Protein backbone atom coordinates (compact mmCIF):
# COMPACT_ATOMS: atom_id res chain seq x y z
CA MET A 1 -55.75 6.59 82.84
CA SER A 2 -52.66 5.84 80.76
CA LYS A 3 -53.13 5.28 77.00
CA LYS A 4 -51.95 1.66 75.78
CA SER A 5 -49.60 1.93 72.86
CA THR A 6 -50.69 0.63 69.57
CA TYR A 7 -47.32 -0.38 68.35
CA ASP A 8 -45.47 -3.85 68.77
CA PRO A 9 -42.25 -3.96 70.79
CA ASP A 10 -40.33 -3.95 67.41
CA GLU A 11 -41.90 -0.75 66.37
CA GLU A 12 -41.61 0.91 69.72
CA ALA A 13 -37.77 -0.03 69.60
CA LEU A 14 -37.36 1.44 65.90
CA ILE A 15 -39.16 4.68 66.99
CA GLN A 16 -36.97 5.04 69.93
CA TRP A 17 -34.00 4.39 67.88
CA CYS A 18 -35.25 7.06 65.49
CA ILE A 19 -35.66 9.55 68.29
CA GLU A 20 -31.94 8.82 69.18
CA VAL A 21 -30.83 9.71 65.66
CA GLU A 22 -32.95 12.67 65.57
CA GLY A 23 -31.02 13.89 68.67
CA LEU A 24 -27.61 13.19 67.22
CA LEU A 25 -28.67 14.85 63.86
CA VAL A 26 -29.57 17.82 66.00
CA ALA A 27 -26.39 17.64 67.86
CA GLY A 28 -24.49 17.65 64.69
CA GLY A 29 -26.12 21.08 63.37
CA ALA A 30 -29.66 20.16 62.14
CA THR A 31 -32.62 21.79 63.50
CA ARG A 32 -35.01 19.41 65.06
CA GLN A 33 -37.47 20.03 62.03
CA GLN A 34 -34.82 19.47 59.36
CA ALA A 35 -33.89 16.07 61.39
CA GLN A 36 -37.40 15.03 61.55
CA GLU A 37 -38.17 15.80 57.95
CA TYR A 38 -35.12 14.07 56.84
CA ILE A 39 -35.81 10.82 58.86
CA GLU A 40 -39.30 10.87 57.52
CA GLU A 41 -38.35 11.32 53.92
CA GLU A 42 -35.55 8.60 54.41
CA ALA A 43 -37.72 6.38 56.63
CA GLU A 44 -36.94 3.18 54.55
CA TRP A 45 -33.26 3.78 54.58
CA PHE A 46 -33.22 4.34 58.26
CA THR A 47 -35.35 1.35 59.02
CA ASP A 48 -33.03 -0.72 57.04
CA MET A 49 -30.15 0.49 59.02
CA TYR A 50 -31.94 -0.22 62.12
CA TYR A 51 -32.64 -3.82 61.06
CA GLU A 52 -29.10 -4.29 59.96
CA GLY A 53 -27.96 -3.62 63.45
CA LEU A 54 -26.47 -0.12 63.10
CA SER A 55 -26.28 1.92 66.26
CA ALA A 56 -27.93 5.35 66.45
CA GLU A 57 -24.70 7.11 66.23
CA GLU A 58 -23.62 4.86 63.14
CA ALA A 59 -26.87 5.99 61.30
CA ALA A 60 -26.40 9.56 62.11
CA GLN A 61 -22.83 9.47 60.88
CA GLN A 62 -24.10 7.85 57.67
CA ALA A 63 -26.81 10.54 57.33
CA PHE A 64 -23.86 13.25 57.53
CA GLU A 65 -21.80 11.50 54.87
């Protein structure tokens, strides 16, 4: 039996976007743990970037700056 998601479609899209950003941060040299912690610590900033329409690549680039 599959478990239904408790997130609405916008939240699911944001989570998926953050997973993409995480992968890009790891590809750029961060450990997975470092990337996850950074995204958690800067959740509001990443959420703002998501709703401003930045791609995961653009968000990762800003994170490296």
